Amino acid sequence: MTDLLEVKALHKHFGGLAATNNLNLAVRKGETHALIGPNGAGKSTLMNQLTGEIAPSQGQILFDGLDITALPVHERTHLGMARSYQLTTIFQGFSALENVMLAVQGYLRKSFRFWENARKEKALREPAMALLERVGLLQRADVIADNLAHGEQRQLELAMALASKPRLLLLDEPLAGMGSEDSLRIIELLAELKKSHTLLLIEHDMNAIFSLADRVSVLVYGTVIATGTVDEIKVNPEVQTAYLGDQNEEFHA
């Protein structure tokens, strides 16, 4: 399979701290690739470098063969990368529909007509409604985002990410802070999205990893120490020693 995303010898230093340390990673087109590791392993710092929010100290990031290491965030978005965050990044005072319309507008680089009601623009409204339907929020389109449940806000953020028509979705702990019912709903949504998108997923919920991931990379001290299928990672002694430790029983469940 062809790699959609390739990271080569990536380093990021904050003073004397190496947040990423000679990190190598390859995400194949069409796969769901999970990135796991203990807190402080550098997972979110890696995500920030992939999206262009942080510049690496050295190394290379390739997207579909193109060197994007120095590209800004908006150019990576238009190449086909989109990200969701650990903390929701929605516009709380706007409705669910308005949030997605703003995301569509940002991708289209379309300006609103000064004297007209932007909510009525078909070029924004129709794709936004379609995206809300895709993530299961069509009936909540007119609800102010701040009044949505936590799981619904996550669904809304995914709709906004999909507005840019990404080829690669970077998902930073999409199940964070959720109860079991909300988690199952998001897992089902991600299972549907993986049919049409390449996903790079940071997640601590091992049940989600088991059900979604085609391959898993384990990050420890800013370095990928192992990559393989879930079954391969489960029995990897280096992973068990460096990361799983007391979690072995849970990991093998």
Protein backbone atom coordinates (compact mmCIF):
# COMPACT_ATOMS: atom_id res chain seq x y z
CA MET A 1 0.00 0.00 0.00
CA THR A 2 1.09 3.57 -0.71
CA ASP A 3 1.90 5.89 2.19
CA LEU A 4 -0.30 8.98 2.42
CA LEU A 5 1.67 10.45 5.33
CA GLU A 6 5.35 9.85 5.99
CA VAL A 7 7.41 11.29 8.82
CA LYS A 8 11.17 11.03 8.59
CA ALA A 9 13.61 11.55 11.48
CA LEU A 10 11.45 14.22 13.09
CA HIS A 11 12.92 16.12 16.03
CA LYS A 12 11.34 18.81 18.19
CA HIS A 13 13.21 20.30 21.11
CA PHE A 14 11.89 22.67 23.78
CA GLY A 15 15.09 23.79 25.44
CA GLY A 16 16.69 20.58 26.70
CA LEU A 17 13.49 18.54 26.31
CA ALA A 18 13.12 16.35 23.23
CA ALA A 19 9.36 16.16 22.64
CA THR A 20 9.91 14.20 19.43
CA ASN A 21 13.19 12.38 19.01
CA ASN A 22 14.19 10.92 15.63
CA LEU A 23 10.56 9.95 15.06
CA ASN A 24 9.63 7.91 12.00
CA LEU A 25 6.05 7.10 11.04
CA ALA A 26 4.16 6.00 7.92
CA VAL A 27 0.38 6.07 7.50
CA ARG A 28 -0.90 4.15 4.51
CA LYS A 29 -3.69 5.37 2.25
CA GLY A 30 -7.05 4.04 3.40
CA GLU A 31 -5.93 2.71 6.79
CA THR A 32 -6.88 3.66 10.31
CA HIS A 33 -3.61 4.09 12.16
CA ALA A 34 -3.65 4.46 15.95
CA LEU A 35 -0.94 6.24 17.91
CA ILE A 36 -0.69 5.19 21.56
CA GLY A 37 1.72 5.89 24.38
CA PRO A 38 1.89 7.15 27.96
CA ASN A 39 1.12 10.74 28.89
CA GLY A 40 4.01 12.98 27.93
CA ALA A 41 5.20 10.68 25.15
CA GLY A 42 4.87 13.49 22.59
CA LYS A 43 1.68 12.45 20.79
CA SER A 44 -0.03 15.85 20.70
CA THR A 45 3.27 17.58 19.91
CA LEU A 46 3.57 15.28 16.91
CA MET A 47 0.03 16.17 15.83
CA ASN A 48 0.89 19.86 16.09
CA GLN A 49 3.87 19.34 13.80
CA LEU A 50 1.84 17.33 11.29
CA THR A 51 -0.72 20.12 10.99
CA GLY A 52 1.83 22.94 10.91
CA GLU A 53 0.98 24.50 14.26
CA ILE A 54 4.52 23.79 15.50
CA ALA A 55 7.62 23.76 13.32
CA PRO A 56 9.94 20.78 13.83
CA SER A 57 13.54 21.39 14.85
CA GLN A 58 14.62 19.02 12.08
CA GLY A 59 13.26 16.20 9.98
CA GLN A 60 10.74 15.90 7.17
CA ILE A 61 6.97 15.48 6.79
CA LEU A 62 5.62 14.18 3.47
CA PHE A 63 1.96 14.19 2.47
CA ASP A 64 1.17 12.07 -0.59
CA GLY A 65 4.80 12.42 -1.60
CA LEU A 66 4.90 16.22 -1.21
CA ASP A 67 7.27 17.77 1.33
CA ILE A 68 4.97 19.85 3.58
CA THR A 69 7.44 20.40 6.43
CA ALA A 70 7.45 24.18 5.98
CA LEU A 71 3.85 24.67 4.80
CA PRO A 72 1.43 26.69 6.98
CA VAL A 73 -1.75 25.21 8.44
CA HIS A 74 -4.16 26.53 5.80
CA GLU A 75 -2.12 25.12 2.92
CA ARG A 76 -2.04 21.68 4.55
CA THR A 77 -5.81 21.90 4.97
CA HIS A 78 -6.30 22.55 1.28
CA LEU A 79 -4.03 19.63 0.44
CA GLY A 80 -6.42 17.38 2.37
CA MET A 81 -5.50 17.30 6.09
CA ALA A 82 -8.01 18.02 8.86
CA ARG A 83 -7.76 17.72 12.63
CA SER A 84 -9.94 17.41 15.70
CA TYR A 85 -8.56 18.34 19.13
CA GLN A 86 -8.61 16.93 22.67
CA LEU A 87 -10.68 19.95 23.70
CA THR A 88 -13.57 20.88 21.44
CA THR A 89 -12.91 23.91 19.24
CA ILE A 90 -16.41 24.94 18.23
CA PHE A 91 -18.10 28.35 18.30
CA GLN A 92 -20.21 28.05 21.44
CA GLY A 93 -22.59 30.93 20.70
CA PHE A 94 -23.54 29.69 17.24
CA SER A 95 -25.92 26.90 16.27
CA ALA A 96 -24.63 23.54 15.10
CA LEU A 97 -25.60 24.47 11.54
CA GLU A 98 -23.86 27.85 11.72
CA ASN A 99 -20.69 26.18 13.01
CA VAL A 100 -20.55 23.84 10.04
CA MET A 101 -21.48 26.64 7.61
CA LEU A 102 -18.51 28.63 8.90
CA ALA A 103 -16.26 25.61 8.34
CA VAL A 104 -17.60 25.20 4.79
CA GLN A 105 -17.12 28.91 4.15
CA GLY A 106 -13.53 28.75 5.38
CA TYR A 107 -12.73 25.88 3.04
CA LEU A 108 -14.41 27.51 0.03
CA ARG A 109 -12.76 30.87 0.85
CA LYS A 110 -16.13 32.35 0.02
CA SER A 111 -17.07 35.82 1.32
CA PHE A 112 -20.59 36.53 2.50
CA ARG A 113 -22.54 39.20 0.63
CA PHE A 114 -22.66 42.20 2.91
CA TRP A 115 -26.43 42.90 2.79
CA GLU A 116 -27.71 39.32 2.63
CA ASN A 117 -28.45 36.73 5.32
CA ALA A 118 -25.51 34.33 5.23
CA ARG A 119 -27.67 31.60 6.81
CA LYS A 120 -29.67 31.40 3.57
CA GLU A 121 -26.71 30.90 1.23
CA LYS A 122 -27.31 27.53 -0.45
CA ALA A 123 -23.61 27.08 -1.22
CA LEU A 124 -22.98 26.99 2.53
CA ARG A 125 -26.24 25.72 3.98
CA GLU A 126 -26.77 22.64 1.83
CA PRO A 127 -23.32 21.05 2.33
CA ALA A 128 -23.48 21.95 6.03
CA MET A 129 -26.82 20.16 6.43
CA ALA A 130 -25.43 17.13 4.58
CA LEU A 131 -22.46 17.01 6.95
CA LEU A 132 -24.69 17.26 10.02
CA GLU A 133 -26.73 14.36 8.67
CA ARG A 134 -23.56 12.35 8.11
CA VAL A 135 -22.48 12.69 11.74
CA GLY A 136 -25.98 12.15 13.14
CA LEU A 137 -26.80 15.74 14.14
CA LEU A 138 -29.32 16.78 11.51
CA GLN A 139 -32.13 16.99 14.06
CA ARG A 140 -29.92 19.21 16.25
CA ALA A 141 -28.99 21.68 13.51
CA ASP A 142 -30.60 24.71 15.19
CA VAL A 143 -29.36 23.98 18.71
CA ILE A 144 -26.76 26.42 20.05
CA ALA A 145 -23.47 24.53 20.27
CA ASP A 146 -23.03 25.33 23.95
CA ASN A 147 -26.29 23.49 24.65
CA LEU A 148 -25.21 20.30 22.91
CA ALA A 149 -24.11 17.34 25.00
CA HIS A 150 -20.38 16.66 25.14
CA GLY A 151 -20.65 13.73 22.72
CA GLU A 152 -22.73 15.84 20.34
CA GLN A 153 -20.08 18.56 20.42
CA ARG A 154 -17.55 15.94 19.34
CA GLN A 155 -19.86 14.93 16.50
CA LEU A 156 -20.14 18.59 15.51
CA GLU A 157 -16.38 19.00 15.51
CA LEU A 158 -16.08 16.01 13.18
CA ALA A 159 -18.64 17.58 10.84
CA MET A 160 -16.57 20.76 10.80
CA ALA A 161 -13.40 18.79 10.07
CA LEU A 162 -15.14 17.00 7.20
CA ALA A 163 -16.13 20.36 5.68
CA SER A 164 -12.65 20.68 4.18
CA LYS A 165 -13.11 17.38 2.30
CA PRO A 166 -9.99 15.84 3.88
CA ARG A 167 -8.12 12.81 2.68
CA LEU A 168 -6.51 12.42 6.11
CA LEU A 169 -8.30 12.97 9.42
CA LEU A 170 -6.07 13.56 12.45
CA LEU A 171 -8.07 12.77 15.57
CA ASP A 172 -6.62 13.73 18.95
CA GLU A 173 -8.43 11.71 21.67
CA PRO A 174 -11.94 11.93 20.18
CA LEU A 175 -13.36 9.92 23.11
CA ALA A 176 -11.85 12.09 25.85
CA GLY A 177 -14.26 12.80 28.69
CA MET A 178 -17.07 10.59 27.34
CA GLY A 179 -19.29 8.06 29.01
CA SER A 180 -19.79 4.61 27.53
CA GLU A 181 -22.89 5.51 25.49
CA ASP A 182 -21.29 8.55 23.86
CA SER A 183 -18.08 6.60 23.25
CA LEU A 184 -19.95 3.85 21.41
CA ARG A 185 -21.68 6.45 19.24
CA ILE A 186 -18.37 8.07 18.26
CA ILE A 187 -16.73 4.68 17.64
CA GLU A 188 -19.60 3.79 15.30
CA LEU A 189 -19.19 7.14 13.51
CA LEU A 190 -15.43 6.64 13.13
CA ALA A 191 -16.01 3.10 11.85
CA GLU A 192 -18.19 4.61 9.15
CA LEU A 193 -15.68 7.36 8.34
CA LYS A 194 -12.82 4.87 7.99
CA LYS A 195 -14.58 3.42 4.96
CA SER A 196 -13.87 6.62 3.03
CA HIS A 197 -10.99 8.35 4.86
CA THR A 198 -7.50 7.67 6.10
CA LEU A 199 -7.44 8.19 9.88
CA LEU A 200 -4.58 8.87 12.28
CA LEU A 201 -5.99 8.41 15.77
CA ILE A 202 -4.57 9.25 19.19
CA GLU A 203 -6.61 7.45 21.81
CA HIS A 204 -6.25 5.94 25.29
CA ASP A 205 -9.41 3.83 25.03
CA MET A 206 -8.07 0.41 24.09
CA ASN A 207 -11.51 -0.89 23.13
CA ALA A 208 -11.66 1.83 20.49
CA ILE A 209 -8.17 0.91 19.30
CA PHE A 210 -9.11 -2.77 19.07
CA SER A 211 -12.25 -2.10 17.05
CA LEU A 212 -10.93 0.62 14.72
CA ALA A 213 -7.19 0.34 14.10
CA ASP A 214 -5.63 -1.47 11.16
CA ARG A 215 -2.18 -0.73 12.56
CA VAL A 216 -0.84 0.76 15.78
CA SER A 217 2.33 2.74 16.49
CA VAL A 218 3.62 3.05 20.05
CA LEU A 219 5.26 6.31 21.04
CA VAL A 220 7.59 6.48 24.07
CA TYR A 221 9.82 9.45 24.94
CA GLY A 222 9.15 11.04 21.55
CA THR A 223 10.14 7.96 19.53
CA VAL A 224 8.06 5.29 17.79
CA ILE A 225 9.31 2.04 19.32
CA ALA A 226 7.00 -0.34 17.43
CA THR A 227 4.41 -0.44 14.64
CA GLY A 228 2.16 -3.35 13.75
CA THR A 229 -1.32 -4.79 13.88
CA VAL A 230 -3.15 -4.84 17.20
CA ASP A 231 -2.26 -8.50 17.67
CA GLU A 232 1.42 -7.82 16.92
CA ILE A 233 1.55 -4.90 19.34
CA LYS A 234 -0.14 -6.92 22.08
CA VAL A 235 2.69 -9.45 22.17
CA ASN A 236 5.60 -7.10 21.46
CA PRO A 237 7.93 -7.42 24.49
CA GLU A 238 9.47 -3.97 24.00
CA VAL A 239 6.02 -2.39 24.08
CA GLN A 240 5.06 -4.34 27.18
CA THR A 241 8.23 -3.28 28.98
CA ALA A 242 8.33 0.36 27.92
CA TYR A 243 4.67 1.30 27.85
CA LEU A 244 2.13 -1.24 29.01
CA GLY A 245 3.65 -2.37 32.31
CA ASP A 246 0.80 -2.77 34.75
CA GLN A 247 -1.67 -2.23 31.90
CA ASN A 248 -0.80 -5.60 30.32
CA GLU A 249 -3.90 -7.31 31.67
CA GLU A 250 -6.16 -4.56 30.30
CA PHE A 251 -4.33 -4.52 26.96
CA HIS A 252 -4.73 -8.25 26.48
CA ALA A 253 -8.41 -8.22 27.45
